[in-house]
Amino acid sequence: MELFKPDFGLVFWMFISFAVLFVILWIWGWPAIMKGVEGRANLIDKGVEYAQNAKDQLDNARQEADKYVAEARRRQAEMLREADRMKSQIIEEAREAAQKEAKKVMDAAKVSIEQERKEAQLQFKNEVSALAVDIATKVVRNNMSDRNTQQQLVDSLLDEMENNN
């Protein structure tokens, strides 16, 4: 039961030892604890400030990255438009060149056809005239067998020449 009812001396010495311990802690312990707590608070404040700065820098970096991406997309679209324009221009130039070449080929073909047609006409005329001469020779030989018929032919040719002049 002594634990439940301590003597006055025990309580007195316990109080004295507590007061001495309290004074020692008040003088040396409390400032060290407060210094540690303040240091930790400063460290936490600096960490929060550093995190805020890092967040701001990240936001700025994102904005700049978005600007660069937008600029790259704009340039890409511009390059695609330029490439499309160049493609259309090249196709148009090729079409015009093909049309010019086709016209040259058609003109050359027309000239060639015209020359061949003239050659064919000339050859046809030569063949017809050779055939006509052969027929005329045969006819004249049959008709010109007597002298009287020859005289009539010469007279008719002379009369015809006079009428033409």
N, C-alpha and C. Protein backbone atom coordinates (compact mmCIF):
# COMPACT_ATOMS: atom_id res chain seq x y z
N MET A 1 0.79 -1.18 0.00
CA MET A 1 0.00 0.00 0.00
C MET A 1 0.84 1.26 0.00
N GLU A 2 2.01 1.10 0.25
CA GLU A 2 2.87 2.27 0.28
C GLU A 2 2.92 2.97 -1.07
N LEU A 3 2.65 2.23 -2.11
CA LEU A 3 2.69 2.85 -3.43
C LEU A 3 1.50 3.80 -3.59
N PHE A 4 0.41 3.46 -2.93
CA PHE A 4 -0.76 4.31 -3.08
C PHE A 4 -0.71 5.50 -2.13
N LYS A 5 0.04 5.41 -1.05
CA LYS A 5 0.16 6.51 -0.10
C LYS A 5 1.65 6.75 0.15
N PRO A 6 2.29 7.58 -0.68
CA PRO A 6 3.73 7.80 -0.49
C PRO A 6 3.99 8.72 0.70
N ASP A 7 5.18 8.61 1.25
CA ASP A 7 5.59 9.46 2.37
C ASP A 7 5.85 10.86 1.84
N PHE A 8 5.82 11.82 2.80
CA PHE A 8 6.05 13.20 2.45
C PHE A 8 7.46 13.39 1.93
N GLY A 9 8.46 12.75 2.40
CA GLY A 9 9.85 12.88 1.99
C GLY A 9 10.02 12.43 0.55
N LEU A 10 9.39 11.35 0.23
CA LEU A 10 9.49 10.85 -1.14
C LEU A 10 8.87 11.84 -2.11
N VAL A 11 7.75 12.40 -1.77
CA VAL A 11 7.08 13.38 -2.63
C VAL A 11 7.94 14.62 -2.72
N PHE A 12 8.54 15.08 -1.58
CA PHE A 12 9.38 16.26 -1.58
C PHE A 12 10.56 16.06 -2.51
N TRP A 13 11.29 14.95 -2.41
CA TRP A 13 12.47 14.71 -3.25
C TRP A 13 12.07 14.49 -4.72
N MET A 14 10.98 13.95 -4.91
CA MET A 14 10.51 13.79 -6.29
C MET A 14 10.21 15.17 -6.89
N PHE A 15 9.61 16.04 -6.11
CA PHE A 15 9.33 17.39 -6.58
C PHE A 15 10.62 18.14 -6.86
N ILE A 16 11.62 18.04 -5.98
CA ILE A 16 12.90 18.72 -6.15
C ILE A 16 13.58 18.19 -7.40
N SER A 17 13.63 16.89 -7.56
CA SER A 17 14.31 16.32 -8.74
C SER A 17 13.56 16.74 -10.03
N PHE A 18 12.23 16.81 -9.95
CA PHE A 18 11.47 17.25 -11.13
C PHE A 18 11.78 18.70 -11.44
N ALA A 19 11.87 19.56 -10.40
CA ALA A 19 12.14 20.98 -10.60
C ALA A 19 13.53 21.15 -11.18
N VAL A 20 14.53 20.40 -10.70
CA VAL A 20 15.90 20.51 -11.21
C VAL A 20 15.92 20.07 -12.68
N LEU A 21 15.28 18.97 -12.93
CA LEU A 21 15.23 18.47 -14.31
C LEU A 21 14.51 19.47 -15.20
N PHE A 22 13.43 20.07 -14.68
CA PHE A 22 12.69 21.04 -15.47
C PHE A 22 13.54 22.27 -15.77
N VAL A 23 14.29 22.75 -14.79
CA VAL A 23 15.16 23.92 -14.99
C VAL A 23 16.26 23.58 -15.99
N ILE A 24 16.87 22.40 -15.87
CA ILE A 24 17.93 22.01 -16.81
C ILE A 24 17.36 21.94 -18.23
N LEU A 25 16.21 21.33 -18.34
CA LEU A 25 15.59 21.25 -19.67
C LEU A 25 15.19 22.64 -20.17
N TRP A 26 14.74 23.50 -19.25
CA TRP A 26 14.33 24.84 -19.64
C TRP A 26 15.52 25.63 -20.15
N ILE A 27 16.65 25.49 -19.54
CA ILE A 27 17.83 26.25 -19.89
C ILE A 27 18.49 25.68 -21.16
N TRP A 28 18.71 24.37 -21.17
CA TRP A 28 19.47 23.80 -22.30
C TRP A 28 18.61 22.98 -23.27
N GLY A 29 17.67 22.33 -22.84
CA GLY A 29 16.88 21.43 -23.69
C GLY A 29 15.85 22.14 -24.55
N TRP A 30 15.11 23.03 -23.89
CA TRP A 30 14.04 23.71 -24.63
C TRP A 30 14.58 24.54 -25.80
N PRO A 31 15.65 25.35 -25.62
CA PRO A 31 16.17 26.08 -26.79
C PRO A 31 16.67 25.14 -27.90
N ALA A 32 17.28 24.01 -27.54
CA ALA A 32 17.75 23.07 -28.56
C ALA A 32 16.56 22.47 -29.29
N ILE A 33 15.51 22.11 -28.56
CA ILE A 33 14.32 21.54 -29.18
C ILE A 33 13.66 22.58 -30.08
N MET A 34 13.53 23.83 -29.59
CA MET A 34 12.91 24.90 -30.38
C MET A 34 13.75 25.20 -31.62
N LYS A 35 15.10 25.19 -31.46
CA LYS A 35 15.98 25.42 -32.60
C LYS A 35 15.77 24.31 -33.65
N GLY A 36 15.68 23.08 -33.21
CA GLY A 36 15.43 21.96 -34.13
C GLY A 36 14.09 22.07 -34.82
N VAL A 37 13.05 22.45 -34.02
CA VAL A 37 11.71 22.60 -34.59
C VAL A 37 11.69 23.75 -35.60
N GLU A 38 12.35 24.88 -35.25
CA GLU A 38 12.40 26.01 -36.18
C GLU A 38 13.19 25.66 -37.44
N GLY A 39 14.30 24.93 -37.25
CA GLY A 39 15.08 24.49 -38.42
C GLY A 39 14.25 23.59 -39.32
N ARG A 40 13.52 22.69 -38.69
CA ARG A 40 12.67 21.79 -39.47
C ARG A 40 11.57 22.58 -40.16
N ALA A 41 10.98 23.58 -39.46
CA ALA A 41 9.93 24.41 -40.07
C ALA A 41 10.51 25.19 -41.24
N ASN A 42 11.73 25.76 -41.06
CA ASN A 42 12.38 26.49 -42.16
C ASN A 42 12.65 25.56 -43.35
N LEU A 43 13.12 24.35 -43.04
CA LEU A 43 13.39 23.37 -44.09
C LEU A 43 12.11 23.03 -44.84
N ILE A 44 11.02 22.86 -44.11
CA ILE A 44 9.74 22.56 -44.75
C ILE A 44 9.27 23.74 -45.59
N ASP A 45 9.43 24.98 -45.05
CA ASP A 45 9.05 26.17 -45.81
C ASP A 45 9.86 26.29 -47.10
N LYS A 46 11.19 26.03 -46.98
CA LYS A 46 12.03 26.08 -48.17
C LYS A 46 11.62 25.00 -49.17
N GLY A 47 11.28 23.82 -48.68
CA GLY A 47 10.82 22.74 -49.57
C GLY A 47 9.54 23.10 -50.29
N VAL A 48 8.62 23.73 -49.54
CA VAL A 48 7.35 24.15 -50.15
C VAL A 48 7.62 25.23 -51.21
N GLU A 49 8.50 26.18 -50.85
CA GLU A 49 8.86 27.24 -51.80
C GLU A 49 9.54 26.66 -53.04
N TYR A 50 10.45 25.70 -52.83
CA TYR A 50 11.14 25.05 -53.94
C TYR A 50 10.14 24.29 -54.82
N ALA A 51 9.18 23.61 -54.17
CA ALA A 51 8.16 22.87 -54.92
C ALA A 51 7.29 23.83 -55.71
N GLN A 52 6.96 24.98 -55.11
CA GLN A 52 6.15 25.98 -55.82
C GLN A 52 6.91 26.51 -57.03
N ASN A 53 8.21 26.82 -56.84
CA ASN A 53 9.03 27.29 -57.95
C ASN A 53 9.12 26.23 -59.05
N ALA A 54 9.29 24.98 -58.62
CA ALA A 54 9.37 23.90 -59.60
C ALA A 54 8.06 23.76 -60.36
N LYS A 55 6.94 23.94 -59.64
CA LYS A 55 5.63 23.87 -60.30
C LYS A 55 5.48 25.02 -61.29
N ASP A 56 5.89 26.21 -60.89
CA ASP A 56 5.83 27.35 -61.81
C ASP A 56 6.70 27.12 -63.04
N GLN A 57 7.91 26.61 -62.81
CA GLN A 57 8.79 26.33 -63.95
C GLN A 57 8.20 25.26 -64.85
N LEU A 58 7.58 24.26 -64.26
CA LEU A 58 6.94 23.20 -65.06
C LEU A 58 5.79 23.77 -65.88
N ASP A 59 5.00 24.65 -65.24
CA ASP A 59 3.91 25.29 -65.98
C ASP A 59 4.45 26.11 -67.14
N ASN A 60 5.52 26.88 -66.87
CA ASN A 60 6.14 27.69 -67.94
C ASN A 60 6.70 26.79 -69.04
N ALA A 61 7.32 25.69 -68.63
CA ALA A 61 7.88 24.76 -69.62
C ALA A 61 6.76 24.15 -70.46
N ARG A 62 5.63 23.83 -69.82
CA ARG A 62 4.49 23.29 -70.58
C ARG A 62 3.97 24.32 -71.56
N GLN A 63 3.86 25.57 -71.11
CA GLN A 63 3.38 26.62 -72.01
C GLN A 63 4.33 26.79 -73.19
N GLU A 64 5.63 26.79 -72.91
CA GLU A 64 6.60 26.91 -74.00
C GLU A 64 6.54 25.71 -74.92
N ALA A 65 6.39 24.52 -74.34
CA ALA A 65 6.28 23.30 -75.16
C ALA A 65 5.04 23.38 -76.04
N ASP A 66 3.93 23.88 -75.48
CA ASP A 66 2.71 24.04 -76.27
C ASP A 66 2.93 25.03 -77.41
N LYS A 67 3.68 26.13 -77.12
CA LYS A 67 3.99 27.11 -78.16
C LYS A 67 4.81 26.45 -79.27
N TYR A 68 5.82 25.67 -78.87
CA TYR A 68 6.68 25.01 -79.86
C TYR A 68 5.89 24.00 -80.68
N VAL A 69 4.99 23.28 -80.01
CA VAL A 69 4.18 22.30 -80.72
C VAL A 69 3.25 23.02 -81.70
N ALA A 70 2.64 24.11 -81.26
CA ALA A 70 1.75 24.87 -82.14
C ALA A 70 2.53 25.43 -83.33
N GLU A 71 3.73 25.95 -83.06
CA GLU A 71 4.57 26.48 -84.14
C GLU A 71 4.96 25.36 -85.10
N ALA A 72 5.32 24.21 -84.57
CA ALA A 72 5.69 23.07 -85.42
C ALA A 72 4.51 22.63 -86.27
N ARG A 73 3.32 22.60 -85.68
CA ARG A 73 2.13 22.22 -86.46
C ARG A 73 1.84 23.25 -87.54
N ARG A 74 2.00 24.52 -87.20
CA ARG A 74 1.78 25.58 -88.20
C ARG A 74 2.76 25.42 -89.35
N ARG A 75 4.03 25.20 -89.01
CA ARG A 75 5.04 25.02 -90.05
C ARG A 75 4.77 23.77 -90.88
N GLN A 76 4.33 22.70 -90.20
CA GLN A 76 4.02 21.47 -90.92
C GLN A 76 2.88 21.71 -91.90
N ALA A 77 1.83 22.40 -91.44
CA ALA A 77 0.70 22.70 -92.32
C ALA A 77 1.14 23.56 -93.49
N GLU A 78 2.01 24.54 -93.20
CA GLU A 78 2.52 25.41 -94.25
C GLU A 78 3.34 24.61 -95.26
N MET A 79 4.18 23.71 -94.76
CA MET A 79 4.99 22.88 -95.67
C MET A 79 4.09 21.97 -96.51
N LEU A 80 3.05 21.43 -95.89
CA LEU A 80 2.13 20.57 -96.64
C LEU A 80 1.40 21.37 -97.72
N ARG A 81 0.98 22.60 -97.39
CA ARG A 81 0.33 23.44 -98.39
C ARG A 81 1.29 23.76 -99.53
N GLU A 82 2.54 24.08 -99.18
CA GLU A 82 3.55 24.38 -100.20
C GLU A 82 3.82 23.16 -101.07
N ALA A 83 3.92 21.99 -100.44
CA ALA A 83 4.15 20.76 -101.21
C ALA A 83 2.97 20.47 -102.13
N ASP A 84 1.75 20.70 -101.64
CA ASP A 84 0.57 20.48 -102.47
C ASP A 84 0.54 21.45 -103.64
N ARG A 85 0.92 22.70 -103.36
CA ARG A 85 0.96 23.71 -104.43
C ARG A 85 2.01 23.32 -105.48
N MET A 86 3.18 22.89 -104.99
CA MET A 86 4.24 22.48 -105.92
C MET A 86 3.80 21.26 -106.73
N LYS A 87 3.11 20.33 -106.07
CA LYS A 87 2.62 19.13 -106.76
C LYS A 87 1.66 19.54 -107.86
N SER A 88 0.73 20.43 -107.54
CA SER A 88 -0.24 20.89 -108.53
C SER A 88 0.47 21.60 -109.68
N GLN A 89 1.46 22.41 -109.35
CA GLN A 89 2.21 23.14 -110.37
C GLN A 89 2.97 22.16 -111.27
N ILE A 90 3.61 21.17 -110.68
CA ILE A 90 4.36 20.19 -111.47
C ILE A 90 3.41 19.39 -112.36
N ILE A 91 2.26 19.01 -111.82
CA ILE A 91 1.28 18.28 -112.62
C ILE A 91 0.80 19.14 -113.78
N GLU A 92 0.52 20.40 -113.50
CA GLU A 92 0.05 21.31 -114.56
C GLU A 92 1.12 21.50 -115.62
N GLU A 93 2.38 21.68 -115.20
CA GLU A 93 3.47 21.83 -116.17
C GLU A 93 3.63 20.56 -117.00
N ALA A 94 3.52 19.41 -116.35
CA ALA A 94 3.64 18.15 -117.08
C ALA A 94 2.48 17.98 -118.06
N ARG A 95 1.28 18.40 -117.63
CA ARG A 95 0.11 18.32 -118.52
C ARG A 95 0.30 19.22 -119.74
N GLU A 96 0.79 20.44 -119.49
CA GLU A 96 1.02 21.36 -120.61
C GLU A 96 2.10 20.83 -121.55
N ALA A 97 3.17 20.29 -120.97
CA ALA A 97 4.23 19.72 -121.80
C ALA A 97 3.71 18.53 -122.61
N ALA A 98 2.89 17.70 -121.99
CA ALA A 98 2.32 16.56 -122.69
C ALA A 98 1.39 17.02 -123.82
N GLN A 99 0.61 18.08 -123.56
CA GLN A 99 -0.27 18.60 -124.60
C GLN A 99 0.54 19.16 -125.77
N LYS A 100 1.63 19.89 -125.45
CA LYS A 100 2.48 20.43 -126.51
C LYS A 100 3.10 19.30 -127.32
N GLU A 101 3.59 18.29 -126.61
CA GLU A 101 4.21 17.15 -127.29
C GLU A 101 3.19 16.40 -128.14
N ALA A 102 1.99 16.24 -127.60
CA ALA A 102 0.93 15.57 -128.35
C ALA A 102 0.57 16.37 -129.59
N LYS A 103 0.53 17.70 -129.47
CA LYS A 103 0.23 18.55 -130.63
C LYS A 103 1.33 18.42 -131.67
N LYS A 104 2.61 18.39 -131.22
CA LYS A 104 3.71 18.22 -132.16
C LYS A 104 3.59 16.88 -132.88
N VAL A 105 3.29 15.82 -132.11
CA VAL A 105 3.16 14.49 -132.71
C VAL A 105 1.99 14.48 -133.70
N MET A 106 0.86 15.12 -133.31
CA MET A 106 -0.30 15.17 -134.21
C MET A 106 0.03 15.95 -135.47
N ASP A 107 0.71 17.09 -135.34
CA ASP A 107 1.09 17.88 -136.51
C ASP A 107 2.02 17.09 -137.41
N ALA A 108 2.99 16.40 -136.80
CA ALA A 108 3.91 15.59 -137.59
C ALA A 108 3.15 14.46 -138.29
N ALA A 109 2.20 13.86 -137.59
CA ALA A 109 1.40 12.80 -138.20
C ALA A 109 0.56 13.34 -139.35
N LYS A 110 -0.03 14.54 -139.17
CA LYS A 110 -0.82 15.14 -140.24
C LYS A 110 0.05 15.41 -141.46
N VAL A 111 1.25 15.96 -141.24
CA VAL A 111 2.16 16.24 -142.35
C VAL A 111 2.54 14.93 -143.04
N SER A 112 2.85 13.93 -142.24
CA SER A 112 3.23 12.62 -142.79
C SER A 112 2.08 12.02 -143.59
N ILE A 113 0.87 12.10 -143.06
CA ILE A 113 -0.30 11.56 -143.76
C ILE A 113 -0.53 12.33 -145.06
N GLU A 114 -0.39 13.65 -145.00
CA GLU A 114 -0.58 14.48 -146.20
C GLU A 114 0.45 14.12 -147.27
N GLN A 115 1.70 13.93 -146.84
CA GLN A 115 2.74 13.55 -147.81
C GLN A 115 2.45 12.17 -148.41
N GLU A 116 2.06 11.24 -147.55
CA GLU A 116 1.76 9.91 -148.06
C GLU A 116 0.55 9.94 -149.00
N ARG A 117 -0.45 10.77 -148.67
CA ARG A 117 -1.63 10.89 -149.54
C ARG A 117 -1.22 11.45 -150.90
N LYS A 118 -0.36 12.49 -150.88
CA LYS A 118 0.10 13.08 -152.16
C LYS A 118 0.91 12.07 -152.96
N GLU A 119 1.75 11.32 -152.26
CA GLU A 119 2.53 10.29 -152.95
C GLU A 119 1.62 9.23 -153.55
N ALA A 120 0.59 8.84 -152.77
CA ALA A 120 -0.36 7.84 -153.28
C ALA A 120 -1.12 8.38 -154.48
N GLN A 121 -1.53 9.67 -154.43
CA GLN A 121 -2.23 10.26 -155.58
C GLN A 121 -1.33 10.30 -156.80
N LEU A 122 -0.06 10.71 -156.56
CA LEU A 122 0.89 10.77 -157.67
C LEU A 122 1.11 9.38 -158.26
N GLN A 123 1.26 8.39 -157.41
CA GLN A 123 1.45 7.02 -157.89
C GLN A 123 0.21 6.55 -158.64
N PHE A 124 -0.99 6.89 -158.09
CA PHE A 124 -2.24 6.51 -158.75
C PHE A 124 -2.35 7.17 -160.12
N LYS A 125 -1.98 8.49 -160.17
CA LYS A 125 -2.03 9.21 -161.45
C LYS A 125 -1.07 8.56 -162.45
N ASN A 126 0.13 8.23 -161.95
CA ASN A 126 1.11 7.61 -162.85
C ASN A 126 0.60 6.27 -163.37
N GLU A 127 0.00 5.49 -162.49
CA GLU A 127 -0.52 4.19 -162.92
C GLU A 127 -1.68 4.37 -163.89
N VAL A 128 -2.59 5.33 -163.59
CA VAL A 128 -3.73 5.58 -164.48
C VAL A 128 -3.25 6.08 -165.83
N SER A 129 -2.27 7.02 -165.78
CA SER A 129 -1.79 7.55 -167.07
C SER A 129 -1.05 6.46 -167.86
N ALA A 130 -0.29 5.60 -167.19
CA ALA A 130 0.38 4.51 -167.91
C ALA A 130 -0.66 3.57 -168.50
N LEU A 131 -1.71 3.30 -167.73
CA LEU A 131 -2.78 2.44 -168.22
C LEU A 131 -3.51 3.10 -169.38
N ALA A 132 -3.75 4.41 -169.25
CA ALA A 132 -4.44 5.14 -170.31
C ALA A 132 -3.59 5.14 -171.57
N VAL A 133 -2.28 5.31 -171.39
CA VAL A 133 -1.39 5.30 -172.57
C VAL A 133 -1.41 3.92 -173.22
N ASP A 134 -1.39 2.90 -172.41
CA ASP A 134 -1.44 1.53 -172.97
C ASP A 134 -2.75 1.31 -173.73
N ILE A 135 -3.86 1.74 -173.12
CA ILE A 135 -5.16 1.57 -173.78
C ILE A 135 -5.21 2.40 -175.04
N ALA A 136 -4.72 3.65 -174.95
CA ALA A 136 -4.74 4.54 -176.12
C ALA A 136 -3.88 3.96 -177.23
N THR A 137 -2.74 3.41 -176.86
CA THR A 137 -1.85 2.82 -177.86
C THR A 137 -2.55 1.67 -178.58
N LYS A 138 -3.23 0.85 -177.82
CA LYS A 138 -3.93 -0.28 -178.42
C LYS A 138 -5.07 0.19 -179.31
N VAL A 139 -5.81 1.20 -178.82
CA VAL A 139 -6.93 1.72 -179.60
C VAL A 139 -6.42 2.38 -180.88
N VAL A 140 -5.38 3.17 -180.74
CA VAL A 140 -4.86 3.90 -181.89
C VAL A 140 -4.30 2.91 -182.91
N ARG A 141 -3.68 1.89 -182.48
CA ARG A 141 -3.14 0.89 -183.42
C ARG A 141 -4.27 0.26 -184.23
N ASN A 142 -5.37 -0.01 -183.55
CA ASN A 142 -6.49 -0.62 -184.28
C ASN A 142 -7.13 0.38 -185.21
N ASN A 143 -7.30 1.62 -184.76
CA ASN A 143 -7.98 2.64 -185.57
C ASN A 143 -7.06 3.23 -186.63
N MET A 144 -5.80 3.22 -186.42
CA MET A 144 -4.88 3.90 -187.31
C MET A 144 -4.30 2.93 -188.37
N SER A 145 -4.93 1.94 -188.56
CA SER A 145 -4.39 1.01 -189.54
C SER A 145 -4.52 1.55 -190.97
N ASP A 146 -5.48 2.35 -191.21
CA ASP A 146 -5.52 2.95 -192.55
C ASP A 146 -5.15 4.41 -192.50
N ARG A 147 -4.80 4.95 -193.63
CA ARG A 147 -4.24 6.30 -193.74
C ARG A 147 -5.32 7.34 -193.55
N ASN A 148 -6.45 7.14 -193.93
CA ASN A 148 -7.54 8.09 -193.86
C ASN A 148 -7.89 8.36 -192.40
N THR A 149 -7.93 7.38 -191.59
CA THR A 149 -8.24 7.53 -190.17
C THR A 149 -7.15 8.31 -189.47
N GLN A 150 -5.92 8.13 -189.85
CA GLN A 150 -4.80 8.87 -189.27
C GLN A 150 -4.92 10.35 -189.58
N GLN A 151 -5.32 10.67 -190.81
CA GLN A 151 -5.46 12.07 -191.21
C GLN A 151 -6.59 12.72 -190.41
N GLN A 152 -7.67 12.04 -190.20
CA GLN A 152 -8.79 12.59 -189.44
C GLN A 152 -8.38 12.86 -187.99
N LEU A 153 -7.61 11.99 -187.42
CA LEU A 153 -7.15 12.17 -186.03
C LEU A 153 -6.25 13.38 -185.91
N VAL A 154 -5.32 13.55 -186.80
CA VAL A 154 -4.41 14.70 -186.78
C VAL A 154 -5.21 15.97 -186.94
N ASP A 155 -6.18 16.01 -187.83
CA ASP A 155 -7.00 17.21 -188.06
C ASP A 155 -7.82 17.55 -186.82
N SER A 156 -8.38 16.57 -186.20
CA SER A 156 -9.21 16.84 -185.01
C SER A 156 -8.34 17.36 -183.86
N LEU A 157 -7.13 16.84 -183.71
CA LEU A 157 -6.23 17.34 -182.65
C LEU A 157 -5.82 18.77 -182.91
N LEU A 158 -5.54 19.11 -184.18
CA LEU A 158 -5.15 20.49 -184.51
C LEU A 158 -6.32 21.44 -184.26
N ASP A 159 -7.53 21.02 -184.62
CA ASP A 159 -8.71 21.86 -184.38
C ASP A 159 -8.93 22.09 -182.89
N GLU A 160 -8.73 21.07 -182.12
CA GLU A 160 -8.91 21.16 -180.67
C GLU A 160 -7.88 22.10 -180.06
N MET A 161 -6.65 22.06 -180.53
CA MET A 161 -5.59 22.95 -180.03
C MET A 161 -5.89 24.40 -180.38
N GLU A 162 -6.44 24.64 -181.55
CA GLU A 162 -6.81 26.00 -181.97
C GLU A 162 -7.92 26.53 -181.09
N ASN A 163 -8.89 25.71 -180.78
CA ASN A 163 -10.03 26.13 -179.94
C ASN A 163 -9.58 26.43 -178.52
N ASN A 164 -8.60 25.70 -177.99
CA ASN A 164 -8.12 25.92 -176.63
C ASN A 164 -7.31 27.20 -176.53
N ASN A 165 -6.60 27.57 -177.56
CA ASN A 165 -5.78 28.78 -177.53
C ASN A 165 -6.65 29.94 -177.88
